[in-house]
N, C-alpha and C. Protein backbone atom coordinates (compact mmCIF):
# COMPACT_ATOMS: atom_id res chain seq x y z
N UNK A 1 126.23 136.97 171.71
CA UNK A 1 125.34 135.84 172.31
C UNK A 1 125.41 135.61 173.51
N UNK A 2 124.29 135.50 173.96
CA UNK A 2 124.35 135.37 175.50
C UNK A 2 123.69 133.91 175.65
N UNK A 3 124.32 133.13 176.21
CA UNK A 3 124.44 131.22 176.43
C UNK A 3 123.94 130.68 177.90
N UNK A 4 123.11 130.57 177.85
CA UNK A 4 122.57 129.79 179.25
C UNK A 4 122.50 127.85 178.98
N UNK A 5 122.86 127.22 179.77
CA UNK A 5 122.71 125.67 179.73
C UNK A 5 122.04 125.44 181.64
N UNK A 6 121.60 124.23 180.88
CA UNK A 6 121.22 123.62 182.15
C UNK A 6 120.88 121.96 181.88
N UNK A 7 121.45 121.34 182.73
CA UNK A 7 122.13 119.98 182.52
C UNK A 7 121.41 119.08 183.85
N UNK A 8 120.71 118.08 183.60
CA UNK A 8 120.31 116.75 184.86
C UNK A 8 119.97 115.70 184.17
N UNK A 9 120.92 114.72 185.47
CA UNK A 9 120.67 113.37 184.71
C UNK A 9 119.41 112.92 185.50
N UNK A 10 118.63 112.10 184.75
CA UNK A 10 117.73 111.21 185.51
C UNK A 10 118.39 110.27 186.76
N UNK A 11 117.38 110.46 187.89
CA UNK A 11 117.97 109.98 189.37
C UNK A 11 118.17 108.33 189.40
N UNK A 12 119.95 108.86 189.59
CA UNK A 12 120.31 107.12 189.72
C UNK A 12 121.05 106.96 188.70
N UNK A 13 120.93 107.81 187.97
CA UNK A 13 122.18 106.90 186.86
C UNK A 13 123.22 108.60 186.24
N UNK A 14 124.04 108.41 185.31
CA UNK A 14 124.79 109.16 185.03
C UNK A 14 124.73 109.57 183.34
N UNK A 15 124.61 110.78 183.41
CA UNK A 15 123.20 111.50 182.07
C UNK A 15 124.55 111.34 180.50
N UNK A 16 123.60 110.77 179.94
CA UNK A 16 124.53 110.12 179.10
C UNK A 16 123.54 111.34 177.64
N UNK A 17 123.06 112.75 178.30
CA UNK A 17 122.92 113.93 177.24
C UNK A 17 124.45 114.58 176.92
N UNK A 18 124.15 115.51 175.94
CA UNK A 18 125.87 116.14 176.27
C UNK A 18 125.27 117.68 175.20
N UNK A 19 126.22 118.86 176.24
CA UNK A 19 126.05 119.92 175.76
C UNK A 19 127.69 120.32 175.26
N UNK A 20 127.62 120.98 173.92
CA UNK A 20 128.82 121.94 173.34
C UNK A 20 128.81 122.83 173.01
N UNK A 21 129.77 124.17 174.00
CA UNK A 21 129.21 125.30 173.16
C UNK A 21 130.43 125.95 172.70
N UNK A 22 130.69 126.80 171.15
CA UNK A 22 131.90 126.93 170.77
C UNK A 22 131.83 128.51 170.49
N UNK A 23 132.67 129.77 169.66
CA UNK A 23 132.10 130.52 169.81
C UNK A 23 131.11 131.06 168.82
N UNK A 24 130.63 130.00 168.26
CA UNK A 24 129.53 130.19 166.95
C UNK A 24 128.64 129.30 166.52
N UNK A 25 128.14 128.28 168.07
CA UNK A 25 127.01 127.56 167.56
C UNK A 25 127.20 126.17 168.73
N UNK A 26 126.07 125.50 169.01
CA UNK A 26 126.00 125.20 170.21
C UNK A 26 125.21 123.54 169.75
N UNK A 27 125.94 122.40 170.13
CA UNK A 27 125.76 121.51 169.97
C UNK A 27 124.97 120.92 170.78
N UNK A 28 124.03 120.07 171.01
CA UNK A 28 122.94 118.84 172.17
C UNK A 28 122.60 117.87 171.71
N UNK A 29 122.88 117.01 172.16
CA UNK A 29 122.86 115.41 171.94
C UNK A 29 122.33 114.63 173.11
N UNK A 30 121.95 113.34 172.67
CA UNK A 30 120.92 112.22 173.79
C UNK A 30 121.73 111.50 173.20
N UNK A 31 122.09 110.70 173.97
CA UNK A 31 123.06 109.56 173.64
C UNK A 31 121.91 108.41 174.26
N UNK A 32 122.35 107.11 172.95
CA UNK A 32 121.11 106.30 173.20
C UNK A 32 121.91 104.67 173.35
N UNK A 33 121.99 103.75 174.27
CA UNK A 33 122.95 102.49 174.53
C UNK A 33 122.14 101.88 173.87
N UNK A 34 122.89 101.02 173.20
CA UNK A 34 122.59 99.80 172.36
C UNK A 34 123.38 98.42 173.33
N UNK A 35 123.02 97.28 172.29
CA UNK A 35 123.31 96.07 172.83
C UNK A 35 124.81 95.77 172.96
N UNK A 36 125.91 96.84 172.85
CA UNK A 36 126.98 96.93 172.44
C UNK A 36 127.48 96.56 174.09
N UNK A 37 129.08 96.37 173.95
CA UNK A 37 129.42 96.62 175.84
C UNK A 37 129.59 97.85 176.57
N UNK A 38 129.05 98.04 177.51
CA UNK A 38 128.43 98.83 178.36
C UNK A 38 129.77 100.52 178.54
N UNK A 39 130.89 99.87 177.85
CA UNK A 39 131.72 101.06 177.83
C UNK A 39 132.19 101.88 176.52
N UNK A 40 130.92 101.24 176.15
CA UNK A 40 130.41 102.11 174.57
C UNK A 40 128.95 102.05 174.56
N UNK A 41 128.65 102.89 175.72
CA UNK A 41 127.31 103.25 175.45
C UNK A 41 126.72 104.53 174.93
N UNK A 42 125.66 104.99 175.24
CA UNK A 42 125.19 106.04 174.87
C UNK A 42 125.84 107.38 174.58
N UNK A 43 126.35 107.53 176.33
CA UNK A 43 126.94 108.57 176.87
C UNK A 43 128.52 108.55 176.53
N UNK A 44 128.75 107.44 175.85
CA UNK A 44 130.28 107.45 175.13
C UNK A 44 130.43 108.04 173.71
N UNK A 45 129.13 107.47 173.16
CA UNK A 45 128.82 107.73 171.75
C UNK A 45 128.55 109.25 171.95
N UNK A 46 128.32 109.63 172.80
CA UNK A 46 127.63 111.40 172.26
C UNK A 46 128.65 112.26 172.72
N UNK A 47 129.67 111.36 173.80
CA UNK A 47 131.05 112.46 174.15
C UNK A 47 131.74 112.50 172.64
N UNK A 48 131.59 111.29 172.31
CA UNK A 48 132.74 111.37 170.97
C UNK A 48 132.28 111.83 169.88
N UNK A 49 131.07 112.08 169.42
CA UNK A 49 130.15 112.40 168.51
C UNK A 49 130.28 113.75 168.49
N UNK A 50 129.58 114.63 169.84
CA UNK A 50 130.09 116.02 170.59
C UNK A 50 131.60 116.33 169.75
N UNK A 51 132.25 115.77 170.51
CA UNK A 51 133.92 116.39 170.12
C UNK A 51 134.17 116.43 168.90
N UNK A 52 133.59 115.80 168.21
CA UNK A 52 133.95 115.70 166.60
C UNK A 52 133.23 116.77 165.93
N UNK A 53 131.94 116.87 166.07
CA UNK A 53 131.11 117.77 165.52
C UNK A 53 131.94 119.27 166.01
N UNK A 54 132.48 119.40 167.01
CA UNK A 54 133.14 120.64 167.45
C UNK A 54 134.56 120.52 166.49
N UNK A 55 134.84 119.57 166.46
CA UNK A 55 136.49 119.59 165.31
C UNK A 55 135.92 120.08 164.14
N UNK A 56 134.88 119.46 163.49
CA UNK A 56 134.77 119.63 162.27
C UNK A 56 133.68 121.14 161.91
N UNK A 57 133.23 121.37 162.44
CA UNK A 57 132.03 122.64 163.06
C UNK A 57 132.88 123.76 162.26
N UNK A 58 132.77 124.36 160.74
CA UNK A 58 133.28 125.76 160.35
C UNK A 58 131.98 126.91 160.16
N UNK A 59 132.79 127.22 159.09
CA UNK A 59 131.47 128.73 158.95
C UNK A 59 130.61 128.27 157.96
N UNK A 60 131.13 127.23 156.81
CA UNK A 60 130.29 127.28 155.63
C UNK A 60 129.72 125.79 155.28
N UNK A 61 130.52 125.13 155.93
CA UNK A 61 130.19 123.52 155.51
C UNK A 61 128.62 123.46 156.05
N UNK A 62 127.77 122.87 155.14
CA UNK A 62 125.94 122.68 155.53
C UNK A 62 126.09 121.46 156.70
N UNK A 63 125.14 122.16 157.30
CA UNK A 63 125.86 121.05 158.93
C UNK A 63 125.25 119.74 158.57
N UNK A 64 124.48 119.18 157.97
CA UNK A 64 123.90 117.98 157.16
C UNK A 64 125.73 117.46 156.85
N UNK A 65 126.32 117.71 156.32
CA UNK A 65 127.71 117.53 156.19
C UNK A 65 128.22 117.20 157.10
N UNK A 66 128.83 118.01 157.54
CA UNK A 66 129.25 118.03 159.24
C UNK A 66 128.85 116.71 159.84
N UNK A 67 127.68 116.73 160.08
CA UNK A 67 127.39 115.56 160.81
C UNK A 67 127.79 114.00 160.12
N UNK A 68 127.04 114.40 159.03
CA UNK A 68 127.64 113.15 158.36
C UNK A 68 129.03 112.76 158.22
N UNK A 69 130.12 113.69 158.25
CA UNK A 69 131.57 113.47 158.28
C UNK A 69 131.78 112.68 159.62
N UNK A 70 131.11 113.32 160.76
CA UNK A 70 131.42 113.58 162.37
C UNK A 70 131.10 111.59 162.43
N UNK A 71 130.29 111.39 161.73
CA UNK A 71 129.36 109.92 161.94
C UNK A 71 130.23 109.05 161.55
N UNK A 72 130.73 109.29 160.42
CA UNK A 72 131.45 108.30 159.41
C UNK A 72 133.11 108.61 160.19
N UNK A 73 133.27 109.34 160.69
CA UNK A 73 134.47 109.24 161.48
C UNK A 73 134.57 108.40 162.71
N UNK A 74 133.61 108.52 162.96
CA UNK A 74 133.52 107.64 164.22
C UNK A 74 133.55 106.02 163.97
N UNK A 75 132.86 106.19 163.32
CA UNK A 75 132.26 104.87 162.27
C UNK A 75 133.67 104.02 162.29
N UNK A 76 134.73 104.59 161.36
CA UNK A 76 136.19 104.15 160.90
C UNK A 76 137.25 104.00 162.38
N UNK A 77 136.77 105.27 163.00
CA UNK A 77 137.73 105.05 164.31
C UNK A 77 137.82 104.15 165.47
N UNK A 78 136.29 103.95 165.55
CA UNK A 78 135.82 102.68 166.59
C UNK A 78 135.43 101.26 166.05
N UNK A 79 135.49 101.01 164.70
CA UNK A 79 134.79 99.81 163.97
C UNK A 79 132.83 99.51 164.47
N UNK A 80 132.64 101.03 164.58
CA UNK A 80 130.75 101.16 164.61
C UNK A 80 130.52 100.21 163.49
N UNK A 81 129.55 99.57 164.02
CA UNK A 81 128.57 98.38 162.87
C UNK A 81 127.20 98.88 163.11
N UNK A 82 127.10 99.64 161.60
CA UNK A 82 125.28 100.02 161.93
C UNK A 82 124.43 98.59 162.06
N UNK A 83 123.29 99.22 163.16
CA UNK A 83 122.50 98.42 163.50
C UNK A 83 122.44 98.04 165.04
N UNK A 84 124.26 97.89 165.06
CA UNK A 84 124.50 97.40 166.44
C UNK A 84 125.29 98.02 166.88
N UNK A 85 125.09 99.20 167.43
CA UNK A 85 125.97 100.52 168.05
C UNK A 85 125.20 101.12 168.80
N UNK A 86 125.74 102.12 169.30
CA UNK A 86 125.58 103.32 170.33
C UNK A 86 125.04 103.98 169.33
N UNK A 87 124.12 105.24 169.53
CA UNK A 87 123.93 105.91 168.76
C UNK A 87 123.34 107.22 169.90
N UNK A 88 123.37 108.28 169.04
CA UNK A 88 122.44 109.71 169.62
C UNK A 88 121.81 110.48 168.74
N UNK A 89 121.08 111.35 169.53
CA UNK A 89 120.03 112.33 168.76
C UNK A 89 121.04 113.31 168.49
N UNK A 90 120.95 115.02 167.96
CA UNK A 90 121.46 115.62 167.15
C UNK A 90 120.84 116.88 167.01
N UNK A 91 120.95 118.35 167.76
CA UNK A 91 121.02 119.39 167.00
C UNK A 91 122.08 120.20 167.66
N UNK A 92 122.03 120.78 166.42
CA UNK A 92 123.48 122.11 166.08
C UNK A 92 122.52 123.41 165.54
N UNK A 93 123.22 124.15 166.22
CA UNK A 93 122.85 126.09 165.74
C UNK A 93 124.08 126.35 165.40
N UNK A 94 124.52 126.96 164.56
CA UNK A 94 125.18 127.84 164.21
C UNK A 94 124.97 128.89 163.72
N UNK A 95 125.79 130.05 163.75
CA UNK A 95 125.72 131.74 163.79
C UNK A 95 126.23 132.10 163.00
N UNK A 96 125.95 133.12 162.43
CA UNK A 96 127.08 134.34 161.91
C UNK A 96 126.81 135.60 161.93
N UNK A 97 127.13 136.78 161.29
CA UNK A 97 126.26 138.03 161.53
C UNK A 97 125.24 138.34 160.93
N UNK A 98 124.48 137.49 159.70
CA UNK A 98 123.67 137.64 159.00
C UNK A 98 122.72 136.06 159.52
N UNK A 99 123.20 135.07 159.76
CA UNK A 99 122.34 134.11 159.27
C UNK A 99 122.11 133.06 160.74
N UNK A 100 121.33 132.26 161.21
CA UNK A 100 121.09 131.46 161.91
C UNK A 100 120.85 130.06 161.45
N UNK A 101 121.65 128.92 161.59
CA UNK A 101 121.64 127.89 161.10
C UNK A 101 120.65 126.51 161.94
N UNK A 102 120.27 125.96 161.71
CA UNK A 102 120.31 124.67 162.39
C UNK A 102 119.71 123.67 161.94
N UNK A 103 120.19 122.47 162.61
CA UNK A 103 119.55 121.20 162.38
C UNK A 103 119.16 120.36 163.51
N UNK A 104 118.44 119.53 162.76
CA UNK A 104 117.66 118.48 164.21
C UNK A 104 117.46 116.77 163.58
N UNK A 105 118.30 115.97 164.35
CA UNK A 105 118.13 114.91 163.46
C UNK A 105 117.63 113.93 165.29
N UNK A 106 116.80 113.25 164.89
CA UNK A 106 115.50 112.65 166.07
C UNK A 106 115.15 113.93 166.85
N UNK A 107 114.35 113.24 168.18
CA UNK A 107 113.78 113.85 169.24
C UNK A 107 114.88 114.88 170.05
N UNK A 108 115.52 115.47 169.11
CA UNK A 108 115.80 116.86 170.15
C UNK A 108 115.86 118.05 169.01
N UNK A 109 114.77 118.64 169.64
CA UNK A 109 114.02 119.97 169.17
C UNK A 109 114.75 121.38 169.08
N UNK A 110 114.56 121.82 167.81
CA UNK A 110 114.89 123.42 168.03
C UNK A 110 114.12 124.46 168.16
N UNK A 111 114.04 125.28 169.46
CA UNK A 111 112.86 126.43 168.89
C UNK A 111 113.58 127.71 168.68
N UNK A 112 112.89 128.72 167.82
CA UNK A 112 113.18 129.72 167.21
C UNK A 112 111.84 130.64 167.61
N UNK A 113 112.43 131.61 168.26
CA UNK A 113 111.82 132.97 169.10
C UNK A 113 111.89 134.37 167.96
N UNK A 114 111.15 134.87 167.15
CA UNK A 114 111.19 135.86 167.04
C UNK A 114 109.66 136.65 166.27
N UNK A 115 109.52 137.22 165.51
CA UNK A 115 108.05 137.66 165.32
C UNK A 115 107.19 136.57 165.58
N UNK A 116 107.28 135.35 165.29
CA UNK A 116 106.52 133.94 165.70
C UNK A 116 107.38 133.24 166.20
N UNK A 117 106.87 132.20 166.59
CA UNK A 117 107.76 130.82 167.42
C UNK A 117 107.72 129.70 166.18
N UNK A 118 108.98 129.32 166.23
CA UNK A 118 109.01 128.24 165.14
C UNK A 118 110.01 126.85 165.63
N UNK A 119 109.03 125.88 165.48
CA UNK A 119 109.42 124.74 166.43
C UNK A 119 110.50 123.97 164.71
N UNK A 120 111.40 123.73 164.94
CA UNK A 120 112.35 122.31 163.93
C UNK A 120 112.29 121.34 164.59
N UNK A 121 111.64 120.55 164.43
CA UNK A 121 111.62 119.09 164.83
C UNK A 121 111.52 117.94 163.69
N UNK A 122 111.95 116.47 164.24
CA UNK A 122 112.06 115.75 163.40
C UNK A 122 111.64 114.86 164.32
N UNK A 123 110.42 114.13 163.42
CA UNK A 123 109.17 113.69 164.31
C UNK A 123 108.97 112.42 163.55
N UNK A 124 110.02 111.91 162.89
CA UNK A 124 109.82 110.61 162.32
C UNK A 124 110.08 109.11 163.44
N UNK A 125 110.16 109.56 163.91
CA UNK A 125 110.37 108.12 165.62
C UNK A 125 109.06 108.52 165.82
N UNK A 126 108.38 109.37 166.38
CA UNK A 126 107.28 109.85 167.16
C UNK A 126 106.03 108.99 165.97
N UNK A 127 106.21 109.45 164.37
CA UNK A 127 105.24 109.03 163.88
C UNK A 127 105.43 107.35 163.58
N UNK A 128 106.09 106.97 163.84
CA UNK A 128 106.22 105.65 164.05
C UNK A 128 106.03 104.65 164.39
N UNK A 129 105.91 105.33 166.55
CA UNK A 129 105.69 104.42 167.71
C UNK A 129 104.86 103.49 167.75
N UNK A 130 103.74 103.54 166.97
CA UNK A 130 102.77 102.43 166.78
C UNK A 130 102.94 101.03 166.18
N UNK A 131 104.43 101.11 165.26
CA UNK A 131 104.93 99.89 164.84
C UNK A 131 105.44 98.95 166.14
N UNK A 132 105.38 97.72 166.00
CA UNK A 132 105.40 96.60 167.01
C UNK A 132 107.07 96.20 167.28
N UNK A 133 107.76 96.64 166.24
CA UNK A 133 109.48 96.42 166.90
C UNK A 133 110.01 97.97 165.79
N UNK A 134 109.50 98.97 166.78
CA UNK A 134 110.66 99.92 166.44
C UNK A 134 112.12 100.16 165.59
N UNK A 135 112.75 99.26 166.20
CA UNK A 135 114.04 99.48 165.99
C UNK A 135 114.42 98.76 164.79
N UNK A 136 113.26 98.30 163.59
CA UNK A 136 113.36 97.28 162.70
C UNK A 136 113.17 98.63 161.71
N UNK A 137 112.90 99.86 162.22
CA UNK A 137 112.94 101.32 161.22
C UNK A 137 113.88 102.29 161.11
N UNK A 138 114.89 101.68 162.33
CA UNK A 138 116.23 102.61 162.30
C UNK A 138 116.89 102.84 161.32
N UNK A 139 116.91 104.47 160.79
CA UNK A 139 118.09 104.47 159.57
C UNK A 139 117.87 103.82 158.65
N UNK A 140 116.25 103.62 158.05
CA UNK A 140 115.95 102.93 157.09
C UNK A 140 114.93 104.14 156.27
N UNK A 141 115.01 104.12 154.80
CA UNK A 141 114.72 105.16 154.24
C UNK A 141 113.26 105.84 154.44
N UNK A 142 112.44 104.89 154.91
CA UNK A 142 111.18 104.83 155.51
C UNK A 142 110.55 104.89 156.79
N UNK A 143 111.87 105.23 157.45
CA UNK A 143 111.43 104.67 158.96
C UNK A 143 112.20 106.24 159.59
N UNK A 144 113.11 106.15 161.12
CA UNK A 144 113.10 107.06 161.74
C UNK A 144 115.06 107.18 161.41
N UNK A 145 115.42 108.47 161.94
CA UNK A 145 116.87 108.37 161.64
C UNK A 145 117.70 108.96 162.78
N UNK A 146 118.88 108.72 162.98
CA UNK A 146 119.56 108.82 164.19
C UNK A 146 121.15 108.67 164.46
N UNK A 147 121.89 109.20 164.57
CA UNK A 147 123.09 109.55 164.53
C UNK A 147 123.74 108.01 165.18
N UNK A 148 124.24 106.95 164.63
CA UNK A 148 124.79 105.91 165.26
C UNK A 148 126.19 105.37 163.71
N UNK A 149 126.06 104.51 162.82
CA UNK A 149 127.19 104.08 162.29
C UNK A 149 127.37 104.16 160.93
N UNK A 150 125.67 105.08 160.12
CA UNK A 150 125.57 105.38 158.74
C UNK A 150 125.87 106.50 158.83
N UNK A 151 126.98 107.28 157.76
CA UNK A 151 127.02 108.51 157.35
C UNK A 151 125.56 109.38 156.88
N UNK A 152 124.66 108.53 156.25
CA UNK A 152 124.01 108.85 155.52
C UNK A 152 122.64 109.57 156.30
N UNK A 153 122.37 109.47 157.80
CA UNK A 153 121.70 110.05 158.80
C UNK A 153 122.13 111.23 158.53
N UNK A 154 123.17 111.15 158.70
CA UNK A 154 123.46 112.98 158.64
C UNK A 154 122.83 113.95 157.66
N UNK A 155 122.85 113.34 156.25
CA UNK A 155 121.72 113.68 155.51
C UNK A 155 120.75 113.82 155.04
N UNK A 156 119.65 112.86 156.25
CA UNK A 156 118.80 112.87 156.32
C UNK A 156 118.37 114.05 157.53
N UNK A 157 119.04 114.77 157.86
CA UNK A 157 118.65 115.58 159.36
C UNK A 157 117.73 116.90 158.38
N UNK A 158 117.15 117.30 159.89
CA UNK A 158 116.09 118.32 159.19
C UNK A 158 116.50 119.46 159.75
N UNK A 159 116.59 120.80 158.74
CA UNK A 159 117.22 121.93 158.69
C UNK A 159 116.56 123.12 158.30
N UNK A 160 116.80 124.06 158.93
CA UNK A 160 116.66 125.40 158.64
C UNK A 160 117.36 126.88 158.56
N UNK A 161 117.09 127.81 158.43
CA UNK A 161 118.15 129.01 158.01
C UNK A 161 117.20 130.27 158.65
N UNK A 162 117.30 131.44 159.63
CA UNK A 162 116.99 132.05 159.67
C UNK A 162 117.40 133.61 159.52
N UNK A 163 117.43 134.56 158.99
CA UNK A 163 118.30 135.71 158.98
C UNK A 163 118.24 136.37 160.92
N UNK A 164 119.60 136.63 160.84
CA UNK A 164 119.86 136.52 162.58
C UNK A 164 118.94 137.63 162.75
N UNK A 165 118.55 138.76 162.21
CA UNK A 165 117.81 139.93 162.70
C UNK A 165 116.94 139.57 162.65
N UNK A 166 116.22 138.76 162.53
CA UNK A 166 114.65 138.39 162.78
C UNK A 166 114.57 137.26 163.75
N UNK A 167 115.48 137.02 164.70
CA UNK A 167 115.84 136.32 166.16
C UNK A 167 116.26 136.47 167.32
N UNK A 168 115.07 136.16 168.08
CA UNK A 168 115.53 136.89 169.42
C UNK A 168 115.94 135.82 170.10
N UNK A 169 115.94 134.59 170.41
CA UNK A 169 116.20 133.90 170.89
C UNK A 169 116.21 132.44 170.07
N UNK A 170 116.82 131.22 170.49
CA UNK A 170 116.83 130.14 170.23
C UNK A 170 117.27 129.03 171.53
N UNK A 171 116.33 128.02 171.63
CA UNK A 171 116.49 127.18 172.65
C UNK A 171 116.49 125.76 171.84
N UNK A 172 117.94 124.73 172.41
CA UNK A 172 117.63 123.53 171.57
C UNK A 172 117.71 122.55 173.06
N UNK A 173 116.59 121.38 172.88
CA UNK A 173 116.70 120.63 173.95
C UNK A 173 116.64 119.39 173.76
N UNK A 174 116.92 118.03 174.59
CA UNK A 174 116.60 117.52 174.72
C UNK A 174 115.40 116.77 175.06
N UNK A 175 114.86 115.56 175.03
CA UNK A 175 113.27 115.01 174.89
C UNK A 175 112.83 115.06 175.92
N UNK A 176 113.88 114.81 177.05
CA UNK A 176 113.96 114.94 178.87
C UNK A 176 113.31 116.21 179.05
N UNK A 177 113.21 117.33 178.49
CA UNK A 177 112.59 118.86 178.74
C UNK A 177 111.75 118.73 177.76
N UNK A 178 111.59 118.69 176.29
CA UNK A 178 110.82 118.80 175.78
C UNK A 178 109.39 117.93 176.12
N UNK A 179 109.69 116.97 176.82
CA UNK A 179 108.22 116.60 177.10
C UNK A 179 107.44 117.04 177.85
N UNK A 180 108.23 118.20 178.62
CA UNK A 180 107.35 119.29 179.44
C UNK A 180 106.29 119.53 178.55
N UNK A 181 106.44 120.14 177.13
CA UNK A 181 105.61 120.85 176.43
C UNK A 181 104.87 120.05 175.40
N UNK A 182 105.54 119.04 175.11
CA UNK A 182 104.98 117.89 173.99
C UNK A 182 104.16 116.91 174.34
N UNK A 183 104.46 116.91 175.78
CA UNK A 183 103.54 115.51 176.48
C UNK A 183 102.88 115.93 177.46
N UNK A 184 103.62 116.57 178.44
CA UNK A 184 102.68 116.97 179.86
C UNK A 184 102.38 118.70 180.46
N UNK A 185 102.31 119.01 179.13
CA UNK A 185 101.78 120.60 178.91
C UNK A 185 102.00 121.19 179.72
N UNK A 186 103.14 121.24 180.73
CA UNK A 186 103.64 122.08 181.57
C UNK A 186 103.48 123.71 181.53
N UNK A 187 104.02 124.04 180.19
CA UNK A 187 104.40 124.79 179.77
C UNK A 187 104.66 125.05 178.22
N UNK A 188 104.65 126.44 177.35
CA UNK A 188 104.46 126.49 176.15
C UNK A 188 106.20 126.73 175.70
N UNK A 189 105.98 126.47 174.37
CA UNK A 189 107.48 126.82 173.65
C UNK A 189 108.06 128.10 174.23
N UNK A 190 107.17 128.96 173.94
CA UNK A 190 107.04 130.45 174.24
C UNK A 190 107.53 130.60 175.90
N UNK A 191 107.23 129.45 176.74
CA UNK A 191 107.65 129.79 178.17
C UNK A 191 109.39 129.75 178.39
N UNK A 192 109.51 128.81 177.27
CA UNK A 192 110.72 128.43 177.22
C UNK A 192 111.94 129.45 177.46
N UNK A 193 110.98 130.85 175.99
CA UNK A 193 112.26 132.06 176.50
C UNK A 193 112.49 132.90 177.17
N UNK A 194 111.02 132.38 178.20
CA UNK A 194 111.65 132.90 179.70
C UNK A 194 111.86 133.01 180.71
N UNK A 195 111.37 131.91 180.72
CA UNK A 195 111.45 130.79 182.39
C UNK A 195 112.96 130.73 182.61
N UNK A 196 113.40 130.48 183.61
CA UNK A 196 114.73 130.08 184.66
C UNK A 196 114.94 128.55 183.87
N UNK A 197 116.06 128.42 183.12
CA UNK A 197 116.29 127.05 182.92
C UNK A 197 116.18 126.15 183.88
N UNK A 198 116.79 126.11 184.58
CA UNK A 198 116.51 125.13 186.51
C UNK A 198 115.32 125.36 186.44
N UNK A 199 114.63 125.96 186.49
CA UNK A 199 113.38 125.75 187.16
C UNK A 199 112.21 125.13 186.28
N UNK A 200 112.30 124.79 184.86
CA UNK A 200 112.07 123.99 183.67
C UNK A 200 112.26 122.86 183.40
N UNK A 201 113.69 122.55 184.91
CA UNK A 201 113.96 121.09 184.60
C UNK A 201 113.60 120.61 185.81
N UNK A 202 113.33 121.47 186.62
CA UNK A 202 112.53 120.91 187.81
C UNK A 202 111.29 120.68 187.96
N UNK A 203 110.52 121.27 186.97
CA UNK A 203 109.02 121.03 186.68
C UNK A 203 108.68 120.07 185.96
N UNK A 204 109.16 119.61 185.50
CA UNK A 204 109.36 118.04 184.40
C UNK A 204 109.54 117.41 185.70
N UNK A 205 110.45 117.09 186.31
CA UNK A 205 111.04 116.09 187.38
C UNK A 205 109.82 116.34 188.18
N UNK A 206 109.30 117.37 188.69
CA UNK A 206 108.25 117.14 190.11
C UNK A 206 107.21 116.58 189.11
N UNK A 207 106.60 116.63 188.08
CA UNK A 207 105.33 116.46 187.44
C UNK A 207 105.72 114.87 187.07
N UNK A 208 106.95 114.46 186.84
CA UNK A 208 107.35 113.13 186.62
C UNK A 208 107.24 112.58 188.21
N UNK A 209 107.88 112.76 189.08
CA UNK A 209 107.56 112.12 190.49
C UNK A 209 106.30 111.74 190.66
N UNK A 210 105.56 112.54 190.71
CA UNK A 210 103.76 113.03 191.07
C UNK A 210 103.06 111.86 189.33
N UNK A 211 103.78 111.08 188.92
CA UNK A 211 102.94 110.15 188.03
C UNK A 211 103.72 108.84 187.62
N UNK A 212 104.74 108.73 188.83
CA UNK A 212 105.27 107.70 189.00
C UNK A 212 104.92 106.15 188.67
N UNK A 213 103.83 106.15 188.57
CA UNK A 213 103.17 104.86 188.68
C UNK A 213 102.96 104.86 186.69
N UNK A 214 103.00 106.05 185.80
CA UNK A 214 103.21 106.20 184.37
C UNK A 214 101.27 106.22 183.97
N UNK A 215 100.70 106.51 185.19
CA UNK A 215 99.36 106.41 184.09
C UNK A 215 98.63 107.41 183.59
N UNK A 216 99.35 108.88 183.89
CA UNK A 216 98.66 110.67 183.25
C UNK A 216 99.26 109.98 182.18
N UNK A 217 100.81 109.83 182.28
CA UNK A 217 101.42 109.83 180.74
C UNK A 217 102.38 108.62 181.09
N UNK A 218 101.88 108.00 179.98
CA UNK A 218 102.49 106.53 179.61
C UNK A 218 103.44 106.86 178.91
N UNK A 219 104.43 106.00 179.47
CA UNK A 219 106.23 106.14 179.12
C UNK A 219 107.26 105.03 179.25
N UNK A 220 108.27 105.02 178.51
CA UNK A 220 108.47 103.66 178.81
C UNK A 220 109.64 104.17 180.45
N UNK A 221 110.57 104.84 180.50
CA UNK A 221 111.29 105.04 182.02
C UNK A 221 110.10 106.41 182.65
N UNK A 222 110.20 106.26 184.03
CA UNK A 222 109.83 107.61 184.94
C UNK A 222 110.66 109.13 184.42
N UNK A 223 111.59 108.68 184.74
CA UNK A 223 112.67 110.04 184.59
C UNK A 223 113.78 109.83 183.24
N UNK A 224 113.93 110.59 182.33
CA UNK A 224 115.30 110.83 181.53
C UNK A 224 115.78 111.72 181.77
N UNK A 225 117.12 111.83 181.12
CA UNK A 225 118.25 113.02 181.30
C UNK A 225 117.55 113.87 180.37
N UNK A 226 117.83 115.04 181.17
CA UNK A 226 117.72 116.52 180.48
C UNK A 226 118.54 117.10 179.80
N UNK A 227 118.78 118.08 178.74
CA UNK A 227 119.96 118.89 178.90
C UNK A 227 118.87 120.53 178.24
N UNK A 228 119.02 121.39 178.52
CA UNK A 228 118.84 122.34 177.54
C UNK A 228 119.76 123.46 177.20
N UNK A 229 119.73 124.60 175.99
CA UNK A 229 120.98 125.72 176.25
C UNK A 229 119.78 126.94 175.32
N UNK A 230 120.02 127.93 175.97
CA UNK A 230 119.08 128.94 175.49
C UNK A 230 120.25 130.26 174.81
N UNK A 231 119.65 130.82 173.65
CA UNK A 231 120.66 131.61 173.16
C UNK A 231 119.86 132.70 172.71
N UNK A 232 120.38 133.73 173.14
CA UNK A 232 120.18 135.15 173.19
C UNK A 232 120.39 136.00 172.46
N UNK A 233 120.07 136.49 170.85
CA UNK A 233 120.73 137.42 170.32
C UNK A 233 121.24 138.94 170.35
């Protein structure tokens, strides 16, 4: 496997996105800060979760179970409280000689390129954007799910598997990059298989600078952290 990565913090801040690469897996996380003290922000949580996932990942345990165990271990070790703790989106890609497995929780999609392009995404947060209090729906059965302090979130992740022989490339990316496809229309999913990853990040940044008043693309903040991994089989 050839693995390429690219990361960039939002201007003026420290990135809360995290990437981890092992011999048979890639982890991409997007940390989200809560109301808890700043020493436990989204970046702290994403770092802890990324490291725990790498420690737990093996060749056979279902990825949902790996994520659930990692969440439970962090909650126990650090006294995290469901509903009032930092959190993180998650995507995991794991492979062996025969199969490629992927997991997505919240808005950190995985894109698989083969005979066709397949996008593994968790749209539950986007589907509920119109709700007046979106946080009230976090980690609820009819709401949206994110890694935080409730291990049930791990089992609510979206998963898929593909024969390795049918896969040419895989991309995992945080929403600070996927917005270039899903919101800004700067390029297609297929473009992500071929473009320079640094160029992808820069084109998103340039588009956001040109829409600093958020008129063309209404959004909460001008820039987001960016992280992307591309795996070539």
